[in-house]
């Protein structure tokens, strides 16, 4: 991610634009996930747990 300094722009506003661009590109969650290696079986297990939690939440809404 890169942000070019505009003429007459302060360092604070440049940093603010950079942080906003990083947030919009959703870079931080990807970096956090790739910080440690997770095996394929672990990824499948986590996805299965998320699906179970999501299904539990959606079924309780309709009752």
PDB file of N, CA and C in Angstrom:
ATOM      1  N   UNK A   1       0.856  -1.159   0.000  1.00  0.00           N
ATOM      2  CA  UNK A   1       0.000   0.000   0.000  1.00  0.00           C
ATOM      3  C   UNK A   1       0.899   1.218   0.000  1.00  0.00           C
ATOM      4  N   UNK A   2       0.595   2.165  -0.848  1.00  0.00           N
ATOM      5  CA  UNK A   2       1.381   3.397  -0.878  1.00  0.00           C
ATOM      6  C   UNK A   2       0.449   4.585  -1.080  1.00  0.00           C
ATOM      7  N   UNK A   3       0.871   5.715  -0.517  1.00  0.00           N
ATOM      8  CA  UNK A   3       0.121   6.963  -0.626  1.00  0.00           C
ATOM      9  C   UNK A   3       1.131   8.042  -0.974  1.00  0.00           C
ATOM     10  N   UNK A   4       0.830   8.834  -2.002  1.00  0.00           N
ATOM     11  CA  UNK A   4       1.739   9.895  -2.416  1.00  0.00           C
ATOM     12  C   UNK A   4       1.432  11.176  -1.648  1.00  0.00           C
ATOM     13  N   UNK A   5       2.505  11.892  -1.298  1.00  0.00           N
ATOM     14  CA  UNK A   5       2.375  13.162  -0.592  1.00  0.00           C
ATOM     15  C   UNK A   5       1.881  14.232  -1.557  1.00  0.00           C
ATOM     16  N   UNK A   6       0.783  14.869  -1.199  1.00  0.00           N
ATOM     17  CA  UNK A   6       0.226  15.931  -2.029  1.00  0.00           C
ATOM     18  C   UNK A   6       0.944  17.240  -1.707  1.00  0.00           C
ATOM     19  N   UNK A   7       0.984  18.176  -2.652  1.00  0.00           N
ATOM     20  CA  UNK A   7       1.652  19.451  -2.376  1.00  0.00           C
ATOM     21  C   UNK A   7       0.973  20.194  -1.228  1.00  0.00           C
ATOM     22  N   UNK A   8       1.757  20.596  -0.245  1.00  0.00           N
ATOM     23  CA  UNK A   8       1.242  21.334   0.889  1.00  0.00           C
ATOM     24  C   UNK A   8       0.532  20.487   1.927  1.00  0.00           C
ATOM     25  N   UNK A   9       0.611  19.162   1.813  1.00  0.00           N
ATOM     26  CA  UNK A   9      -0.078  18.278   2.752  1.00  0.00           C
ATOM     27  C   UNK A   9       0.794  18.010   3.974  1.00  0.00           C
ATOM     28  N   UNK A  10       0.188  18.001   5.150  1.00  0.00           N
ATOM     29  CA  UNK A  10       0.945  17.729   6.374  1.00  0.00           C
ATOM     30  C   UNK A  10       1.164  16.228   6.534  1.00  0.00           C
ATOM     31  N   UNK A  11       2.115  15.905   7.405  1.00  0.00           N
ATOM     32  CA  UNK A  11       2.418  14.493   7.665  1.00  0.00           C
ATOM     33  C   UNK A  11       1.236  13.788   8.339  1.00  0.00           C
ATOM     34  N   UNK A  12       0.508  14.526   9.171  1.00  0.00           N
ATOM     35  CA  UNK A  12      -0.628  13.922   9.875  1.00  0.00           C
ATOM     36  C   UNK A  12      -1.728  13.509   8.895  1.00  0.00           C
ATOM     37  N   UNK A  13      -2.020  14.398   7.941  1.00  0.00           N
ATOM     38  CA  UNK A  13      -3.081  14.063   6.989  1.00  0.00           C
ATOM     39  C   UNK A  13      -2.630  12.954   6.039  1.00  0.00           C
ATOM     40  N   UNK A  14      -1.341  12.911   5.725  1.00  0.00           N
ATOM     41  CA  UNK A  14      -0.814  11.819   4.901  1.00  0.00           C
ATOM     42  C   UNK A  14      -0.969  10.489   5.628  1.00  0.00           C
ATOM     43  N   UNK A  15      -0.619  10.481   6.907  1.00  0.00           N
ATOM     44  CA  UNK A  15      -0.756   9.261   7.709  1.00  0.00           C
ATOM     45  C   UNK A  15      -2.216   8.848   7.831  1.00  0.00           C
ATOM     46  N   UNK A  16      -3.102   9.829   7.978  1.00  0.00           N
ATOM     47  CA  UNK A  16      -4.534   9.541   8.074  1.00  0.00           C
ATOM     48  C   UNK A  16      -5.052   8.909   6.787  1.00  0.00           C
ATOM     49  N   UNK A  17      -4.623   9.446   5.639  1.00  0.00           N
ATOM     50  CA  UNK A  17      -5.040   8.866   4.354  1.00  0.00           C
ATOM     51  C   UNK A  17      -4.496   7.461   4.188  1.00  0.00           C
ATOM     52  N   UNK A  18      -3.245   7.234   4.637  1.00  0.00           N
ATOM     53  CA  UNK A  18      -2.645   5.905   4.539  1.00  0.00           C
ATOM     54  C   UNK A  18      -3.429   4.898   5.378  1.00  0.00           C
ATOM     55  N   UNK A  19      -3.741   5.263   6.609  1.00  0.00           N
ATOM     56  CA  UNK A  19      -4.499   4.353   7.483  1.00  0.00           C
ATOM     57  C   UNK A  19      -5.876   4.045   6.914  1.00  0.00           C
ATOM     58  N   UNK A  20      -6.507   5.053   6.328  1.00  0.00           N
ATOM     59  CA  UNK A  20      -7.822   4.848   5.725  1.00  0.00           C
ATOM     60  C   UNK A  20      -7.727   3.904   4.526  1.00  0.00           C
ATOM     61  N   UNK A  21      -6.680   4.069   3.707  1.00  0.00           N
ATOM     62  CA  UNK A  21      -6.496   3.192   2.545  1.00  0.00           C
ATOM     63  C   UNK A  21      -6.244   1.757   2.980  1.00  0.00           C
ATOM     64  N   UNK A  22      -5.469   1.570   4.038  1.00  0.00           N
ATOM     65  CA  UNK A  22      -5.200   0.224   4.559  1.00  0.00           C
ATOM     66  C   UNK A  22      -6.490  -0.398   5.086  1.00  0.00           C
ATOM     67  N   UNK A  23      -7.291   0.387   5.781  1.00  0.00           N
ATOM     68  CA  UNK A  23      -8.549  -0.126   6.326  1.00  0.00           C
ATOM     69  C   UNK A  23      -9.517  -0.508   5.209  1.00  0.00           C
ATOM     70  N   UNK A  24      -9.591   0.315   4.158  1.00  0.00           N
ATOM     71  CA  UNK A  24     -10.499   0.018   3.052  1.00  0.00           C
ATOM     72  C   UNK A  24     -10.053  -1.200   2.263  1.00  0.00           C
ATOM     73  N   UNK A  25      -8.733  -1.413   2.177  1.00  0.00           N
ATOM     74  CA  UNK A  25      -8.219  -2.567   1.447  1.00  0.00           C
ATOM     75  C   UNK A  25      -8.274  -3.842   2.281  1.00  0.00           C
ATOM     76  N   UNK A  26      -8.619  -3.724   3.560  1.00  0.00           N
ATOM     77  CA  UNK A  26      -8.713  -4.862   4.489  1.00  0.00           C
ATOM     78  C   UNK A  26      -7.431  -5.675   4.525  1.00  0.00           C
ATOM     79  N   UNK A  27      -6.341  -4.979   4.696  1.00  0.00           N
ATOM     80  CA  UNK A  27      -5.025  -5.621   4.708  1.00  0.00           C
ATOM     81  C   UNK A  27      -4.714  -6.223   6.075  1.00  0.00           C
ATOM     82  N   UNK A  28      -5.057  -5.530   7.147  1.00  0.00           N
ATOM     83  CA  UNK A  28      -4.686  -5.985   8.487  1.00  0.00           C
ATOM     84  C   UNK A  28      -5.235  -7.361   8.857  1.00  0.00           C
ATOM     85  N   UNK A  29      -6.499  -7.679   8.574  1.00  0.00           N
ATOM     86  CA  UNK A  29      -6.955  -9.036   8.915  1.00  0.00           C
ATOM     87  C   UNK A  29      -6.175 -10.129   8.172  1.00  0.00           C
ATOM     88  N   UNK A  30      -5.813  -9.851   6.931  1.00  0.00           N
ATOM     89  CA  UNK A  30      -5.051 -10.837   6.158  1.00  0.00           C
ATOM     90  C   UNK A  30      -3.670 -11.029   6.758  1.00  0.00           C
ATOM     91  N   UNK A  31      -3.048  -9.925   7.137  1.00  0.00           N
ATOM     92  CA  UNK A  31      -1.707 -10.000   7.735  1.00  0.00           C
ATOM     93  C   UNK A  31      -1.765 -10.754   9.054  1.00  0.00           C
ATOM     94  N   UNK A  32      -2.793 -10.493   9.845  1.00  0.00           N
ATOM     95  CA  UNK A  32      -2.926 -11.190  11.133  1.00  0.00           C
ATOM     96  C   UNK A  32      -3.117 -12.690  10.929  1.00  0.00           C
ATOM     97  N   UNK A  33      -3.865 -13.070   9.902  1.00  0.00           N
ATOM     98  CA  UNK A  33      -4.075 -14.493   9.632  1.00  0.00           C
ATOM     99  C   UNK A  33      -2.790 -15.168   9.182  1.00  0.00           C
ATOM    100  N   UNK A  34      -1.992 -14.478   8.399  1.00  0.00           N
ATOM    101  CA  UNK A  34      -0.779 -15.080   7.846  1.00  0.00           C
ATOM    102  C   UNK A  34       0.415 -14.992   8.784  1.00  0.00           C
ATOM    103  N   UNK A  35       0.218 -14.418   9.975  1.00  0.00           N
ATOM    104  CA  UNK A  35       1.317 -14.294  10.925  1.00  0.00           C
ATOM    105  C   UNK A  35       1.796 -15.669  11.367  1.00  0.00           C
ATOM    106  N   UNK A  36       0.871 -16.605  11.520  1.00  0.00           N
ATOM    107  CA  UNK A  36       1.207 -17.963  11.921  1.00  0.00           C
ATOM    108  C   UNK A  36       0.661 -18.950  10.902  1.00  0.00           C
ATOM    109  N   UNK A  37       1.347 -20.056  10.763  1.00  0.00           N
ATOM    110  CA  UNK A  37       0.901 -21.103   9.846  1.00  0.00           C
ATOM    111  C   UNK A  37      -0.217 -21.887  10.502  1.00  0.00           C
ATOM    112  N   UNK A  38      -1.283 -22.120   9.749  1.00  0.00           N
ATOM    113  CA  UNK A  38      -2.353 -22.997  10.212  1.00  0.00           C
ATOM    114  C   UNK A  38      -2.551 -24.082   9.162  1.00  0.00           C
ATOM    115  N   UNK A  39      -2.634 -25.296   9.645  1.00  0.00           N
ATOM    116  CA  UNK A  39      -2.787 -26.416   8.732  1.00  0.00           C
ATOM    117  C   UNK A  39      -4.180 -26.403   8.110  1.00  0.00           C
ATOM    118  N   UNK A  40      -4.332 -27.162   7.040  1.00  0.00           N
ATOM    119  CA  UNK A  40      -5.621 -27.216   6.346  1.00  0.00           C
ATOM    120  C   UNK A  40      -6.702 -27.814   7.235  1.00  0.00           C
ATOM    121  N   UNK A  41      -6.331 -28.793   8.027  1.00  0.00           N
ATOM    122  CA  UNK A  41      -7.327 -29.402   8.916  1.00  0.00           C
ATOM    123  C   UNK A  41      -7.784 -28.403   9.975  1.00  0.00           C
ATOM    124  N   UNK A  42      -6.851 -27.561  10.452  1.00  0.00           N
ATOM    125  CA  UNK A  42      -7.218 -26.540  11.432  1.00  0.00           C
ATOM    126  C   UNK A  42      -8.149 -25.504  10.808  1.00  0.00           C
ATOM    127  N   UNK A  43      -7.882 -25.112   9.572  1.00  0.00           N
ATOM    128  CA  UNK A  43      -8.732 -24.149   8.873  1.00  0.00           C
ATOM    129  C   UNK A  43     -10.129 -24.728   8.686  1.00  0.00           C
ATOM    130  N   UNK A  44     -10.216 -26.002   8.305  1.00  0.00           N
ATOM    131  CA  UNK A  44     -11.518 -26.653   8.138  1.00  0.00           C
ATOM    132  C   UNK A  44     -12.277 -26.714   9.464  1.00  0.00           C
ATOM    133  N   UNK A  45     -11.573 -27.021  10.542  1.00  0.00           N
ATOM    134  CA  UNK A  45     -12.201 -27.108  11.853  1.00  0.00           C
ATOM    135  C   UNK A  45     -12.755 -25.751  12.290  1.00  0.00           C
ATOM    136  N   UNK A  46     -11.986 -24.698  12.057  1.00  0.00           N
ATOM    137  CA  UNK A  46     -12.424 -23.349  12.421  1.00  0.00           C
ATOM    138  C   UNK A  46     -13.630 -22.934  11.589  1.00  0.00           C
ATOM    139  N   UNK A  47     -13.609 -23.232  10.283  1.00  0.00           N
ATOM    140  CA  UNK A  47     -14.745 -22.905   9.429  1.00  0.00           C
ATOM    141  C   UNK A  47     -15.998 -23.653   9.868  1.00  0.00           C
ATOM    142  N   UNK A  48     -15.832 -24.906  10.263  1.00  0.00           N
ATOM    143  CA  UNK A  48     -16.962 -25.702  10.712  1.00  0.00           C
ATOM    144  C   UNK A  48     -17.551 -25.113  11.988  1.00  0.00           C
ATOM    145  N   UNK A  49     -16.692 -24.695  12.922  1.00  0.00           N
ATOM    146  CA  UNK A  49     -17.164 -24.078  14.155  1.00  0.00           C
ATOM    147  C   UNK A  49     -17.905 -22.773  13.882  1.00  0.00           C
ATOM    148  N   UNK A  50     -17.389 -21.964  12.955  1.00  0.00           N
ATOM    149  CA  UNK A  50     -18.056 -20.710  12.607  1.00  0.00           C
ATOM    150  C   UNK A  50     -19.421 -20.972  11.998  1.00  0.00           C
ATOM    151  N   UNK A  51     -19.516 -21.987  11.144  1.00  0.00           N
ATOM    152  CA  UNK A  51     -20.788 -22.322  10.520  1.00  0.00           C
ATOM    153  C   UNK A  51     -21.800 -22.777  11.567  1.00  0.00           C
ATOM    154  N   UNK A  52     -21.355 -23.555  12.540  1.00  0.00           N
ATOM    155  CA  UNK A  52     -22.246 -24.027  13.597  1.00  0.00           C
ATOM    156  C   UNK A  52     -22.756 -22.846  14.413  1.00  0.00           C
ATOM    157  N   UNK A  53     -21.857 -21.914  14.773  1.00  0.00           N
ATOM    158  CA  UNK A  53     -22.265 -20.735  15.538  1.00  0.00           C
ATOM    159  C   UNK A  53     -23.238 -19.871  14.752  1.00  0.00           C
ATOM    160  N   UNK A  54     -22.960 -19.699  13.458  1.00  0.00           N
ATOM    161  CA  UNK A  54     -23.837 -18.883  12.617  1.00  0.00           C
ATOM    162  C   UNK A  54     -25.215 -19.535  12.488  1.00  0.00           C
ATOM    163  N   UNK A  55     -25.258 -20.840  12.305  1.00  0.00           N
ATOM    164  CA  UNK A  55     -26.529 -21.541  12.195  1.00  0.00           C
ATOM    165  C   UNK A  55     -27.303 -21.444  13.497  1.00  0.00           C
ATOM    166  N   UNK A  56     -26.602 -21.520  14.611  1.00  0.00           N
ATOM    167  CA  UNK A  56     -27.258 -21.425  15.914  1.00  0.00           C
ATOM    168  C   UNK A  56     -27.858 -20.036  16.108  1.00  0.00           C
ATOM    169  N   UNK A  57     -27.132 -18.998  15.674  1.00  0.00           N
ATOM    170  CA  UNK A  57     -27.635 -17.632  15.809  1.00  0.00           C
ATOM    171  C   UNK A  57     -28.839 -17.392  14.914  1.00  0.00           C
ATOM    172  N   UNK A  58     -28.801 -17.890  13.680  1.00  0.00           N
ATOM    173  CA  UNK A  58     -29.919 -17.640  12.761  1.00  0.00           C
ATOM    174  C   UNK A  58     -31.164 -18.420  13.158  1.00  0.00           C
ATOM    175  N   UNK A  59     -31.019 -19.600  13.724  1.00  0.00           N
ATOM    176  CA  UNK A  59     -32.200 -20.372  14.132  1.00  0.00           C
ATOM    177  C   UNK A  59     -32.851 -19.741  15.345  1.00  0.00           C
ATOM    178  N   UNK A  60     -32.092 -19.135  16.241  1.00  0.00           N
ATOM    179  CA  UNK A  60     -32.692 -18.525  17.426  1.00  0.00           C
ATOM    180  C   UNK A  60     -33.441 -17.248  17.070  1.00  0.00           C
ATOM    181  N   UNK A  61     -33.087 -16.596  15.987  1.00  0.00           N
ATOM    182  CA  UNK A  61     -33.783 -15.372  15.562  1.00  0.00           C
ATOM    183  C   UNK A  61     -35.209 -15.669  15.128  1.00  0.00           C
ATOM    184  N   UNK A  62     -35.418 -16.805  14.476  1.00  0.00           N
ATOM    185  CA  UNK A  62     -36.734 -17.121  13.949  1.00  0.00           C
ATOM    186  C   UNK A  62     -37.694 -17.639  14.993  1.00  0.00           C
ATOM    187  N   UNK A  63     -37.180 -18.023  16.124  1.00  0.00           N
ATOM    188  CA  UNK A  63     -38.065 -18.548  17.166  1.00  0.00           C
ATOM    189  C   UNK A  63     -38.578 -17.456  17.973  1.00  0.00           C
TER     190      UNK A  63
END
